[in-house]
Amino acid sequence: MTFNRCSGRAHQQPTPAQVSAARSAEQQASARYKAGLGVIDEVAEAQRLLTQAEIDDALARLGVWRGLLGVAIAMGDIQPFVAEVGR
């Protein structure tokens, strides 16, 4: 069995989009606040949402790696997995 970085890519695609959207919202909220057009609560909420999106992204990536490890264990050979992780 071979592993490649694309193996779990289909499962990871939604979370980077969420992180990007949350980052954009945080930047916009900060800009509005600095311009005097927004309140600090909006900035704090945007920062909280960005942090949550980053956590969700990390957990999704971890889930993919755990799944790939499970497949490797089930096949009885974790060396290709270990080699991929080491890259």
N, C-alpha and C. Protein backbone atom coordinates (compact mmCIF):
# COMPACT_ATOMS: atom_id res chain seq x y z
N MET A 1 0.85 -1.19 0.00
CA MET A 1 0.00 0.00 0.00
C MET A 1 0.88 1.24 0.00
N THR A 2 0.50 2.21 -0.76
CA THR A 2 1.24 3.46 -0.76
C THR A 2 0.35 4.57 -0.19
N PHE A 3 0.99 5.51 0.43
CA PHE A 3 0.29 6.66 0.98
C PHE A 3 0.76 7.88 0.24
N ASN A 4 -0.14 8.78 0.01
CA ASN A 4 0.27 10.07 -0.54
C ASN A 4 -0.53 11.15 0.15
N ARG A 5 -0.06 12.35 0.01
CA ARG A 5 -0.69 13.46 0.72
C ARG A 5 -2.10 13.74 0.21
N CYS A 6 -2.46 13.21 -0.93
CA CYS A 6 -3.79 13.44 -1.49
C CYS A 6 -4.81 12.46 -0.92
N SER A 7 -4.37 11.44 -0.20
CA SER A 7 -5.27 10.39 0.26
C SER A 7 -6.47 10.93 1.00
N GLY A 8 -6.28 11.91 1.86
CA GLY A 8 -7.39 12.42 2.64
C GLY A 8 -7.83 13.80 2.22
N ARG A 9 -7.36 14.27 1.11
CA ARG A 9 -7.63 15.65 0.69
C ARG A 9 -9.12 15.93 0.53
N ALA A 10 -9.88 14.97 0.02
CA ALA A 10 -11.31 15.20 -0.18
C ALA A 10 -12.02 15.46 1.15
N HIS A 11 -11.53 14.85 2.21
CA HIS A 11 -12.15 15.03 3.52
C HIS A 11 -11.70 16.33 4.18
N GLN A 12 -10.65 16.94 3.70
CA GLN A 12 -10.10 18.12 4.33
C GLN A 12 -10.54 19.42 3.67
N GLN A 13 -11.11 19.37 2.51
CA GLN A 13 -11.39 20.59 1.76
C GLN A 13 -12.34 21.56 2.45
N PRO A 14 -13.42 21.13 3.12
CA PRO A 14 -14.31 22.13 3.69
C PRO A 14 -13.68 22.99 4.78
N THR A 15 -12.80 22.41 5.59
CA THR A 15 -12.28 23.18 6.72
C THR A 15 -11.35 24.32 6.32
N PRO A 16 -10.47 24.17 5.32
CA PRO A 16 -9.67 25.34 4.94
C PRO A 16 -10.54 26.50 4.44
N ALA A 17 -11.65 26.20 3.80
CA ALA A 17 -12.56 27.26 3.35
C ALA A 17 -13.18 27.96 4.55
N GLN A 18 -13.51 27.19 5.57
CA GLN A 18 -14.07 27.78 6.79
C GLN A 18 -13.05 28.65 7.49
N VAL A 19 -11.80 28.20 7.54
CA VAL A 19 -10.75 28.98 8.17
C VAL A 19 -10.54 30.28 7.40
N SER A 20 -10.50 30.18 6.09
CA SER A 20 -10.32 31.37 5.27
C SER A 20 -11.45 32.37 5.47
N ALA A 21 -12.68 31.89 5.49
CA ALA A 21 -13.83 32.77 5.68
C ALA A 21 -13.80 33.41 7.07
N ALA A 22 -13.45 32.62 8.08
CA ALA A 22 -13.39 33.15 9.44
C ALA A 22 -12.26 34.19 9.58
N ARG A 23 -11.14 33.92 8.91
CA ARG A 23 -10.01 34.87 8.95
C ARG A 23 -10.42 36.20 8.30
N SER A 24 -11.12 36.10 7.18
CA SER A 24 -11.59 37.29 6.49
C SER A 24 -12.58 38.08 7.36
N ALA A 25 -13.49 37.37 7.99
CA ALA A 25 -14.47 38.03 8.87
C ALA A 25 -13.78 38.71 10.04
N GLU A 26 -12.76 38.07 10.59
CA GLU A 26 -12.02 38.67 11.71
C GLU A 26 -11.30 39.93 11.27
N GLN A 27 -10.68 39.89 10.10
CA GLN A 27 -9.98 41.06 9.58
C GLN A 27 -10.94 42.21 9.32
N GLN A 28 -12.11 41.88 8.78
CA GLN A 28 -13.11 42.91 8.52
C GLN A 28 -13.65 43.51 9.82
N ALA A 29 -13.91 42.67 10.81
CA ALA A 29 -14.40 43.17 12.09
C ALA A 29 -13.35 44.07 12.75
N SER A 30 -12.09 43.67 12.67
CA SER A 30 -11.01 44.49 13.25
C SER A 30 -10.90 45.82 12.53
N ALA A 31 -11.01 45.79 11.21
CA ALA A 31 -10.93 47.04 10.43
C ALA A 31 -12.09 47.97 10.77
N ARG A 32 -13.29 47.40 10.89
CA ARG A 32 -14.45 48.23 11.26
C ARG A 32 -14.24 48.85 12.64
N TYR A 33 -13.73 48.06 13.57
CA TYR A 33 -13.51 48.56 14.93
C TYR A 33 -12.46 49.67 14.93
N LYS A 34 -11.37 49.47 14.21
CA LYS A 34 -10.31 50.48 14.15
C LYS A 34 -10.79 51.76 13.49
N ALA A 35 -11.76 51.65 12.59
CA ALA A 35 -12.31 52.82 11.91
C ALA A 35 -13.43 53.46 12.72
N GLY A 36 -13.76 52.87 13.85
CA GLY A 36 -14.82 53.42 14.69
C GLY A 36 -16.22 53.05 14.22
N LEU A 37 -16.32 52.06 13.36
CA LEU A 37 -17.61 51.65 12.80
C LEU A 37 -18.16 50.37 13.42
N GLY A 38 -17.39 49.76 14.30
CA GLY A 38 -17.82 48.51 14.92
C GLY A 38 -17.54 48.52 16.40
N VAL A 39 -18.00 47.50 17.06
CA VAL A 39 -17.79 47.38 18.50
C VAL A 39 -16.85 46.21 18.79
N ILE A 40 -16.24 46.26 19.96
CA ILE A 40 -15.25 45.25 20.33
C ILE A 40 -15.88 43.86 20.42
N ASP A 41 -17.16 43.79 20.75
CA ASP A 41 -17.84 42.49 20.82
C ASP A 41 -17.79 41.77 19.48
N GLU A 42 -17.94 42.51 18.38
CA GLU A 42 -17.88 41.90 17.05
C GLU A 42 -16.49 41.34 16.77
N VAL A 43 -15.48 42.07 17.21
CA VAL A 43 -14.10 41.61 17.01
C VAL A 43 -13.87 40.34 17.82
N ALA A 44 -14.30 40.35 19.07
CA ALA A 44 -14.12 39.18 19.94
C ALA A 44 -14.84 37.96 19.37
N GLU A 45 -16.05 38.15 18.89
CA GLU A 45 -16.82 37.04 18.32
C GLU A 45 -16.15 36.51 17.05
N ALA A 46 -15.65 37.42 16.21
CA ALA A 46 -14.95 37.00 14.99
C ALA A 46 -13.68 36.24 15.34
N GLN A 47 -12.97 36.67 16.37
CA GLN A 47 -11.77 35.96 16.80
C GLN A 47 -12.11 34.58 17.35
N ARG A 48 -13.22 34.49 18.08
CA ARG A 48 -13.65 33.20 18.62
C ARG A 48 -14.00 32.24 17.48
N LEU A 49 -14.71 32.75 16.48
CA LEU A 49 -15.07 31.91 15.34
C LEU A 49 -13.85 31.47 14.54
N LEU A 50 -12.87 32.35 14.41
CA LEU A 50 -11.63 31.98 13.72
C LEU A 50 -10.91 30.89 14.49
N THR A 51 -10.80 31.06 15.80
CA THR A 51 -10.15 30.03 16.62
C THR A 51 -10.86 28.70 16.50
N GLN A 52 -12.19 28.71 16.54
CA GLN A 52 -12.95 27.47 16.42
C GLN A 52 -12.74 26.83 15.05
N ALA A 53 -12.70 27.64 14.00
CA ALA A 53 -12.47 27.11 12.65
C ALA A 53 -11.08 26.47 12.55
N GLU A 54 -10.08 27.09 13.18
CA GLU A 54 -8.73 26.53 13.16
C GLU A 54 -8.68 25.22 13.94
N ILE A 55 -9.39 25.16 15.06
CA ILE A 55 -9.46 23.91 15.83
C ILE A 55 -10.14 22.82 15.01
N ASP A 56 -11.27 23.16 14.39
CA ASP A 56 -11.99 22.18 13.57
C ASP A 56 -11.13 21.67 12.42
N ASP A 57 -10.35 22.57 11.82
CA ASP A 57 -9.45 22.19 10.73
C ASP A 57 -8.40 21.20 11.23
N ALA A 58 -7.80 21.50 12.37
CA ALA A 58 -6.78 20.61 12.94
C ALA A 58 -7.37 19.25 13.27
N LEU A 59 -8.57 19.24 13.84
CA LEU A 59 -9.22 17.97 14.18
C LEU A 59 -9.56 17.16 12.93
N ALA A 60 -9.98 17.83 11.87
CA ALA A 60 -10.28 17.13 10.62
C ALA A 60 -9.02 16.49 10.05
N ARG A 61 -7.93 17.24 10.07
CA ARG A 61 -6.66 16.68 9.57
C ARG A 61 -6.21 15.50 10.43
N LEU A 62 -6.35 15.63 11.73
CA LEU A 62 -6.00 14.53 12.63
C LEU A 62 -6.86 13.30 12.33
N GLY A 63 -8.14 13.52 12.08
CA GLY A 63 -9.03 12.40 11.75
C GLY A 63 -8.61 11.67 10.50
N VAL A 64 -8.16 12.42 9.50
CA VAL A 64 -7.69 11.79 8.26
C VAL A 64 -6.46 10.94 8.55
N TRP A 65 -5.51 11.50 9.30
CA TRP A 65 -4.30 10.73 9.62
C TRP A 65 -4.63 9.49 10.44
N ARG A 66 -5.56 9.63 11.38
CA ARG A 66 -5.97 8.47 12.17
C ARG A 66 -6.59 7.39 11.27
N GLY A 67 -7.41 7.83 10.32
CA GLY A 67 -8.01 6.88 9.39
C GLY A 67 -6.97 6.16 8.56
N LEU A 68 -6.00 6.92 8.06
CA LEU A 68 -4.93 6.30 7.27
C LEU A 68 -4.11 5.32 8.11
N LEU A 69 -3.88 5.68 9.37
CA LEU A 69 -3.16 4.76 10.25
C LEU A 69 -3.99 3.49 10.47
N GLY A 70 -5.29 3.65 10.66
CA GLY A 70 -6.16 2.48 10.84
C GLY A 70 -6.11 1.54 9.64
N VAL A 71 -6.09 2.11 8.45
CA VAL A 71 -5.99 1.30 7.24
C VAL A 71 -4.65 0.56 7.22
N ALA A 72 -3.59 1.27 7.54
CA ALA A 72 -2.26 0.65 7.55
C ALA A 72 -2.19 -0.48 8.56
N ILE A 73 -2.76 -0.28 9.72
CA ILE A 73 -2.77 -1.33 10.75
C ILE A 73 -3.59 -2.52 10.26
N ALA A 74 -4.74 -2.25 9.67
CA ALA A 74 -5.58 -3.33 9.18
C ALA A 74 -4.88 -4.14 8.09
N MET A 75 -4.03 -3.48 7.32
CA MET A 75 -3.31 -4.18 6.25
C MET A 75 -2.06 -4.86 6.77
N GLY A 76 -1.69 -4.56 8.02
CA GLY A 76 -0.55 -5.23 8.64
C GLY A 76 0.80 -4.63 8.31
N ASP A 77 0.84 -3.45 7.74
CA ASP A 77 2.13 -2.83 7.40
C ASP A 77 2.02 -1.32 7.59
N ILE A 78 2.63 -0.82 8.67
CA ILE A 78 2.54 0.62 8.92
C ILE A 78 3.75 1.38 8.40
N GLN A 79 4.71 0.68 7.80
CA GLN A 79 5.92 1.36 7.33
C GLN A 79 5.63 2.45 6.28
N PRO A 80 4.76 2.22 5.28
CA PRO A 80 4.48 3.30 4.33
C PRO A 80 3.85 4.52 5.05
N PHE A 81 3.01 4.26 6.04
CA PHE A 81 2.41 5.34 6.81
C PHE A 81 3.48 6.12 7.56
N VAL A 82 4.36 5.40 8.22
CA VAL A 82 5.45 6.06 8.99
C VAL A 82 6.34 6.88 8.06
N ALA A 83 6.61 6.35 6.88
CA ALA A 83 7.43 7.08 5.91
C ALA A 83 6.72 8.36 5.47
N GLU A 84 5.41 8.30 5.25
CA GLU A 84 4.65 9.49 4.83
C GLU A 84 4.61 10.53 5.95
N VAL A 85 4.43 10.09 7.16
CA VAL A 85 4.38 11.01 8.30
C VAL A 85 5.73 11.72 8.45
N GLY A 86 6.80 11.02 8.16
CA GLY A 86 8.15 11.58 8.31
C GLY A 86 8.50 12.63 7.27
N ARG A 87 7.70 12.76 6.23
CA ARG A 87 7.99 13.75 5.18
C ARG A 87 7.79 15.15 5.69
